[in-house]
Amino acid sequence: IEFLAEKDTCVIVGRCADFVLSDMEN
């Protein structure tokens, strides 16, 4: 999830992505 978020603009469903990316800008 962290790798994909750094690589692409994207939509991620479930998998606690909100928590994993809670400190990510944008």
PDB file of all heavy atoms in Angstrom:
ATOM      1  N   ILE A   1       0.844  -1.196   0.000  1.00  0.00           N
ATOM      2  CA  ILE A   1       0.000   0.000   0.000  1.00  0.00           C
ATOM      3  C   ILE A   1       0.881   1.248   0.000  1.00  0.00           C
ATOM      4  O   ILE A   1       0.651   2.195  -0.764  1.00  0.00           O
ATOM      5  CB  ILE A   1      -0.947   0.005   1.215  1.00  0.00           C
ATOM      6  CG1 ILE A   1      -2.069  -1.021   1.012  1.00  0.00           C
ATOM      7  CG2 ILE A   1      -1.546   1.397   1.446  1.00  0.00           C
ATOM      8  CD1 ILE A   1      -2.911  -1.257   2.252  1.00  0.00           C
ATOM      9  N   GLU A   2       1.887   1.259   0.855  1.00  0.00           N
ATOM     10  CA  GLU A   2       2.797   2.406   0.920  1.00  0.00           C
ATOM     11  C   GLU A   2       3.547   2.588  -0.404  1.00  0.00           C
ATOM     12  O   GLU A   2       3.710   3.715  -0.883  1.00  0.00           O
ATOM     13  CB  GLU A   2       3.784   2.208   2.067  1.00  0.00           C
ATOM     14  CG  GLU A   2       3.142   2.283   3.436  1.00  0.00           C
ATOM     15  CD  GLU A   2       4.089   1.917   4.562  1.00  0.00           C
ATOM     16  OE1 GLU A   2       5.091   1.217   4.303  1.00  0.00           O
ATOM     17  OE2 GLU A   2       3.819   2.337   5.707  1.00  0.00           O
ATOM     18  N   PHE A   3       3.967   1.486  -0.998  1.00  0.00           N
ATOM     19  CA  PHE A   3       4.690   1.541  -2.261  1.00  0.00           C
ATOM     20  C   PHE A   3       3.804   2.092  -3.371  1.00  0.00           C
ATOM     21  O   PHE A   3       4.206   2.967  -4.145  1.00  0.00           O
ATOM     22  CB  PHE A   3       5.197   0.145  -2.629  1.00  0.00           C
ATOM     23  CG  PHE A   3       6.016   0.105  -3.887  1.00  0.00           C
ATOM     24  CD1 PHE A   3       7.370   0.396  -3.861  1.00  0.00           C
ATOM     25  CD2 PHE A   3       5.429  -0.205  -5.100  1.00  0.00           C
ATOM     26  CE1 PHE A   3       8.134   0.366  -5.024  1.00  0.00           C
ATOM     27  CE2 PHE A   3       6.180  -0.237  -6.265  1.00  0.00           C
ATOM     28  CZ  PHE A   3       7.535   0.053  -6.226  1.00  0.00           C
ATOM     29  N   LEU A   4       2.566   1.579  -3.457  1.00  0.00           N
ATOM     30  CA  LEU A   4       1.638   2.011  -4.503  1.00  0.00           C
ATOM     31  C   LEU A   4       1.265   3.476  -4.341  1.00  0.00           C
ATOM     32  O   LEU A   4       1.138   4.204  -5.326  1.00  0.00           O
ATOM     33  CB  LEU A   4       0.387   1.138  -4.480  1.00  0.00           C
ATOM     34  CG  LEU A   4       0.591  -0.322  -4.899  1.00  0.00           C
ATOM     35  CD1 LEU A   4      -0.655  -1.139  -4.582  1.00  0.00           C
ATOM     36  CD2 LEU A   4       0.938  -0.419  -6.371  1.00  0.00           C
ATOM     37  N   ALA A   5       1.076   3.906  -3.101  1.00  0.00           N
ATOM     38  CA  ALA A   5       0.707   5.297  -2.836  1.00  0.00           C
ATOM     39  C   ALA A   5       1.822   6.260  -3.239  1.00  0.00           C
ATOM     40  O   ALA A   5       1.557   7.389  -3.657  1.00  0.00           O
ATOM     41  CB  ALA A   5       0.369   5.473  -1.359  1.00  0.00           C
ATOM     42  N   GLU A   6       3.057   5.817  -3.116  1.00  0.00           N
ATOM     43  CA  GLU A   6       4.187   6.646  -3.525  1.00  0.00           C
ATOM     44  C   GLU A   6       4.369   6.635  -5.043  1.00  0.00           C
ATOM     45  O   GLU A   6       4.914   7.570  -5.625  1.00  0.00           O
ATOM     46  CB  GLU A   6       5.477   6.150  -2.855  1.00  0.00           C
ATOM     47  CG  GLU A   6       5.567   6.473  -1.378  1.00  0.00           C
ATOM     48  CD  GLU A   6       5.644   7.964  -1.102  1.00  0.00           C
ATOM     49  OE1 GLU A   6       6.086   8.716  -1.999  1.00  0.00           O
ATOM     50  OE2 GLU A   6       5.245   8.389   0.007  1.00  0.00           O
ATOM     51  N   LYS A   7       3.886   5.580  -5.683  1.00  0.00           N
ATOM     52  CA  LYS A   7       4.097   5.411  -7.119  1.00  0.00           C
ATOM     53  C   LYS A   7       2.979   6.013  -7.960  1.00  0.00           C
ATOM     54  O   LYS A   7       3.223   6.632  -8.981  1.00  0.00           O
ATOM     55  CB  LYS A   7       4.223   3.926  -7.447  1.00  0.00           C
ATOM     56  CG  LYS A   7       4.450   3.620  -8.928  1.00  0.00           C
ATOM     57  CD  LYS A   7       4.537   2.111  -9.146  1.00  0.00           C
ATOM     58  CE  LYS A   7       4.834   1.801 -10.608  1.00  0.00           C
ATOM     59  NZ  LYS A   7       3.749   2.221 -11.522  1.00  0.00           N
ATOM     60  N   ASP A   8       1.713   5.799  -7.545  1.00  0.00           N
ATOM     61  CA  ASP A   8       0.567   6.168  -8.372  1.00  0.00           C
ATOM     62  C   ASP A   8      -0.454   7.013  -7.625  1.00  0.00           C
ATOM     63  O   ASP A   8      -0.630   6.877  -6.418  1.00  0.00           O
ATOM     64  CB  ASP A   8      -0.185   4.906  -8.843  1.00  0.00           C
ATOM     65  CG  ASP A   8       0.531   4.162  -9.945  1.00  0.00           C
ATOM     66  OD1 ASP A   8       1.127   4.832 -10.804  1.00  0.00           O
ATOM     67  OD2 ASP A   8       0.491   2.928  -9.941  1.00  0.00           O
ATOM     68  N   THR A   9      -1.162   7.853  -8.362  1.00  0.00           N
ATOM     69  CA  THR A   9      -2.415   8.413  -7.878  1.00  0.00           C
ATOM     70  C   THR A   9      -3.420   7.275  -7.966  1.00  0.00           C
ATOM     71  O   THR A   9      -3.530   6.622  -9.002  1.00  0.00           O
ATOM     72  CB  THR A   9      -2.865   9.588  -8.765  1.00  0.00           C
ATOM     73  OG1 THR A   9      -1.992  10.695  -8.538  1.00  0.00           O
ATOM     74  CG2 THR A   9      -4.289  10.002  -8.439  1.00  0.00           C
ATOM     75  N   CYS A  10      -4.134   7.011  -6.894  1.00  0.00           N
ATOM     76  CA  CYS A  10      -4.979   5.821  -6.907  1.00  0.00           C
ATOM     77  C   CYS A  10      -6.089   5.865  -5.863  1.00  0.00           C
ATOM     78  O   CYS A  10      -6.104   6.716  -4.973  1.00  0.00           O
ATOM     79  CB  CYS A  10      -4.123   4.568  -6.680  1.00  0.00           C
ATOM     80  SG  CYS A  10      -3.198   4.558  -5.116  1.00  0.00           S
ATOM     81  N   VAL A  11      -7.026   4.909  -6.007  1.00  0.00           N
ATOM     82  CA  VAL A  11      -8.065   4.631  -5.019  1.00  0.00           C
ATOM     83  C   VAL A  11      -7.726   3.281  -4.412  1.00  0.00           C
ATOM     84  O   VAL A  11      -7.483   2.311  -5.134  1.00  0.00           O
ATOM     85  CB  VAL A  11      -9.469   4.569  -5.664  1.00  0.00           C
ATOM     86  CG1 VAL A  11     -10.498   4.124  -4.631  1.00  0.00           C
ATOM     87  CG2 VAL A  11      -9.851   5.917  -6.261  1.00  0.00           C
ATOM     88  N   ILE A  12      -7.701   3.203  -3.085  1.00  0.00           N
ATOM     89  CA  ILE A  12      -7.441   1.938  -2.400  1.00  0.00           C
ATOM     90  C   ILE A  12      -8.617   1.639  -1.486  1.00  0.00           C
ATOM     91  O   ILE A  12      -8.987   2.452  -0.642  1.00  0.00           O
ATOM     92  CB  ILE A  12      -6.137   1.985  -1.584  1.00  0.00           C
ATOM     93  CG1 ILE A  12      -4.954   2.344  -2.483  1.00  0.00           C
ATOM     94  CG2 ILE A  12      -5.898   0.640  -0.893  1.00  0.00           C
ATOM     95  CD1 ILE A  12      -3.636   2.480  -1.738  1.00  0.00           C
ATOM     96  N   VAL A  13      -9.205   0.458  -1.671  1.00  0.00           N
ATOM     97  CA  VAL A  13     -10.384   0.059  -0.896  1.00  0.00           C
ATOM     98  C   VAL A  13      -9.983  -0.889   0.234  1.00  0.00           C
ATOM     99  O   VAL A  13      -9.302  -1.892   0.008  1.00  0.00           O
ATOM    100  CB  VAL A  13     -11.428  -0.634  -1.789  1.00  0.00           C
ATOM    101  CG1 VAL A  13     -12.638  -1.075  -0.964  1.00  0.00           C
ATOM    102  CG2 VAL A  13     -11.866   0.298  -2.912  1.00  0.00           C
ATOM    103  N   GLY A  14     -10.418  -0.579   1.443  1.00  0.00           N
ATOM    104  CA  GLY A  14     -10.210  -1.472   2.573  1.00  0.00           C
ATOM    105  C   GLY A  14      -8.759  -1.647   2.976  1.00  0.00           C
ATOM    106  O   GLY A  14      -7.912  -0.783   2.760  1.00  0.00           O
ATOM    107  N   ARG A  15      -8.468  -2.795   3.604  1.00  0.00           N
ATOM    108  CA  ARG A  15      -7.115  -3.182   4.014  1.00  0.00           C
ATOM    109  C   ARG A  15      -6.454  -2.179   4.957  1.00  0.00           C
ATOM    110  O   ARG A  15      -5.239  -2.050   4.992  1.00  0.00           O
ATOM    111  CB  ARG A  15      -6.220  -3.393   2.779  1.00  0.00           C
ATOM    112  CG  ARG A  15      -6.697  -4.499   1.857  1.00  0.00           C
ATOM    113  CD  ARG A  15      -6.813  -5.800   2.596  1.00  0.00           C
ATOM    114  NE  ARG A  15      -7.276  -6.888   1.746  1.00  0.00           N
ATOM    115  CZ  ARG A  15      -7.664  -8.071   2.206  1.00  0.00           C
ATOM    116  NH1 ARG A  15      -7.669  -8.296   3.496  1.00  0.00           N
ATOM    117  NH2 ARG A  15      -8.073  -9.009   1.388  1.00  0.00           N
ATOM    118  N   CYS A  16      -7.258  -1.449   5.720  1.00  0.00           N
ATOM    119  CA  CYS A  16      -6.738  -0.457   6.665  1.00  0.00           C
ATOM    120  C   CYS A  16      -5.861   0.582   5.976  1.00  0.00           C
ATOM    121  O   CYS A  16      -4.948   1.156   6.594  1.00  0.00           O
ATOM    122  CB  CYS A  16      -5.940  -1.128   7.783  1.00  0.00           C
ATOM    123  SG  CYS A  16      -6.947  -1.924   9.052  1.00  0.00           S
ATOM    124  N   ALA A  17      -6.129   0.847   4.701  1.00  0.00           N
ATOM    125  CA  ALA A  17      -5.322   1.822   3.965  1.00  0.00           C
ATOM    126  C   ALA A  17      -5.424   3.206   4.596  1.00  0.00           C
ATOM    127  O   ALA A  17      -4.470   3.994   4.551  1.00  0.00           O
ATOM    128  CB  ALA A  17      -5.761   1.873   2.499  1.00  0.00           C
ATOM    129  N   ASP A  18      -6.572   3.525   5.191  1.00  0.00           N
ATOM    130  CA  ASP A  18      -6.723   4.817   5.853  1.00  0.00           C
ATOM    131  C   ASP A  18      -5.730   4.955   7.003  1.00  0.00           C
ATOM    132  O   ASP A  18      -5.166   6.027   7.229  1.00  0.00           O
ATOM    133  CB  ASP A  18      -8.156   5.006   6.357  1.00  0.00           C
ATOM    134  CG  ASP A  18      -8.599   3.903   7.301  1.00  0.00           C
ATOM    135  OD1 ASP A  18      -8.185   2.734   7.109  1.00  0.00           O
ATOM    136  OD2 ASP A  18      -9.374   4.189   8.234  1.00  0.00           O
ATOM    137  N   PHE A  19      -5.486   3.864   7.713  1.00  0.00           N
ATOM    138  CA  PHE A  19      -4.528   3.862   8.815  1.00  0.00           C
ATOM    139  C   PHE A  19      -3.094   3.869   8.293  1.00  0.00           C
ATOM    140  O   PHE A  19      -2.260   4.654   8.746  1.00  0.00           O
ATOM    141  CB  PHE A  19      -4.752   2.627   9.690  1.00  0.00           C
ATOM    142  CG  PHE A  19      -3.634   2.333  10.637  1.00  0.00           C
ATOM    143  CD1 PHE A  19      -3.382   3.165  11.717  1.00  0.00           C
ATOM    144  CD2 PHE A  19      -2.823   1.215  10.460  1.00  0.00           C
ATOM    145  CE1 PHE A  19      -2.337   2.897  12.597  1.00  0.00           C
ATOM    146  CE2 PHE A  19      -1.788   0.936  11.322  1.00  0.00           C
ATOM    147  CZ  PHE A  19      -1.537   1.781  12.395  1.00  0.00           C
ATOM    148  N   VAL A  20      -2.829   3.013   7.319  1.00  0.00           N
ATOM    149  CA  VAL A  20      -1.483   2.901   6.753  1.00  0.00           C
ATOM    150  C   VAL A  20      -1.009   4.240   6.184  1.00  0.00           C
ATOM    151  O   VAL A  20       0.158   4.619   6.322  1.00  0.00           O
ATOM    152  CB  VAL A  20      -1.435   1.816   5.655  1.00  0.00           C
ATOM    153  CG1 VAL A  20      -0.079   1.800   4.962  1.00  0.00           C
ATOM    154  CG2 VAL A  20      -1.742   0.441   6.252  1.00  0.00           C
ATOM    155  N   LEU A  21      -1.942   4.975   5.564  1.00  0.00           N
ATOM    156  CA  LEU A  21      -1.587   6.237   4.905  1.00  0.00           C
ATOM    157  C   LEU A  21      -2.057   7.463   5.694  1.00  0.00           C
ATOM    158  O   LEU A  21      -2.200   8.546   5.140  1.00  0.00           O
ATOM    159  CB  LEU A  21      -2.190   6.266   3.494  1.00  0.00           C
ATOM    160  CG  LEU A  21      -1.796   5.103   2.581  1.00  0.00           C
ATOM    161  CD1 LEU A  21      -2.512   5.215   1.238  1.00  0.00           C
ATOM    162  CD2 LEU A  21      -0.285   5.047   2.389  1.00  0.00           C
ATOM    163  N   SER A  22      -2.266   7.290   6.976  1.00  0.00           N
ATOM    164  CA  SER A  22      -2.830   8.376   7.791  1.00  0.00           C
ATOM    165  C   SER A  22      -1.946   9.626   7.841  1.00  0.00           C
ATOM    166  O   SER A  22      -2.448  10.734   8.014  1.00  0.00           O
ATOM    167  CB  SER A  22      -3.082   7.877   9.219  1.00  0.00           C
ATOM    168  OG  SER A  22      -1.877   7.414   9.816  1.00  0.00           O
ATOM    169  N   ASP A  23      -0.649   9.460   7.697  1.00  0.00           N
ATOM    170  CA  ASP A  23       0.261  10.607   7.755  1.00  0.00           C
ATOM    171  C   ASP A  23       0.723  11.067   6.373  1.00  0.00           C
ATOM    172  O   ASP A  23       1.604  11.930   6.265  1.00  0.00           O
ATOM    173  CB  ASP A  23       1.497  10.254   8.596  1.00  0.00           C
ATOM    174  CG  ASP A  23       1.150  10.009  10.054  1.00  0.00           C
ATOM    175  OD1 ASP A  23       0.226  10.676  10.562  1.00  0.00           O
ATOM    176  OD2 ASP A  23       1.800   9.148  10.678  1.00  0.00           O
ATOM    177  N   MET A  24       0.152  10.502   5.341  1.00  0.00           N
ATOM    178  CA  MET A  24       0.602  10.826   3.989  1.00  0.00           C
ATOM    179  C   MET A  24      -0.051  12.104   3.458  1.00  0.00           C
ATOM    180  O   MET A  24      -1.256  12.290   3.574  1.00  0.00           O
ATOM    181  CB  MET A  24       0.316   9.664   3.036  1.00  0.00           C
ATOM    182  CG  MET A  24       0.791   9.917   1.618  1.00  0.00           C
ATOM    183  SD  MET A  24       0.871   8.389   0.648  1.00  0.00           S
ATOM    184  CE  MET A  24       2.419   7.714   1.246  1.00  0.00           C
ATOM    185  N   GLU A  25       0.766  12.942   2.884  1.00  0.00           N
ATOM    186  CA  GLU A  25       0.265  14.177   2.286  1.00  0.00           C
ATOM    187  C   GLU A  25      -0.604  13.851   1.077  1.00  0.00           C
ATOM    188  O   GLU A  25      -0.348  12.883   0.359  1.00  0.00           O
ATOM    189  CB  GLU A  25       1.450  15.049   1.856  1.00  0.00           C
ATOM    190  CG  GLU A  25       1.050  16.415   1.332  1.00  0.00           C
ATOM    191  CD  GLU A  25       2.271  17.214   0.885  1.00  0.00           C
ATOM    192  OE1 GLU A  25       3.370  16.658   0.830  1.00  0.00           O
ATOM    193  OE2 GLU A  25       2.073  18.405   0.587  1.00  0.00           O
ATOM    194  N   ASN A  26      -1.640  14.643   0.855  1.00  0.00           N
ATOM    195  CA  ASN A  26      -2.550  14.466  -0.283  1.00  0.00           C
ATOM    196  C   ASN A  26      -3.303  13.141  -0.257  1.00  0.00           C
ATOM    197  O   ASN A  26      -3.627  12.589  -1.306  1.00  0.00           O
ATOM    198  CB  ASN A  26      -1.792  14.588  -1.611  1.00  0.00           C
ATOM    199  CG  ASN A  26      -1.388  16.015  -1.911  1.00  0.00           C
ATOM    200  OD1 ASN A  26      -1.638  16.914  -1.118  1.00  0.00           O
ATOM    201  ND2 ASN A  26      -0.757  16.227  -3.039  1.00  0.00           N
TER     202      ASN A  26
END
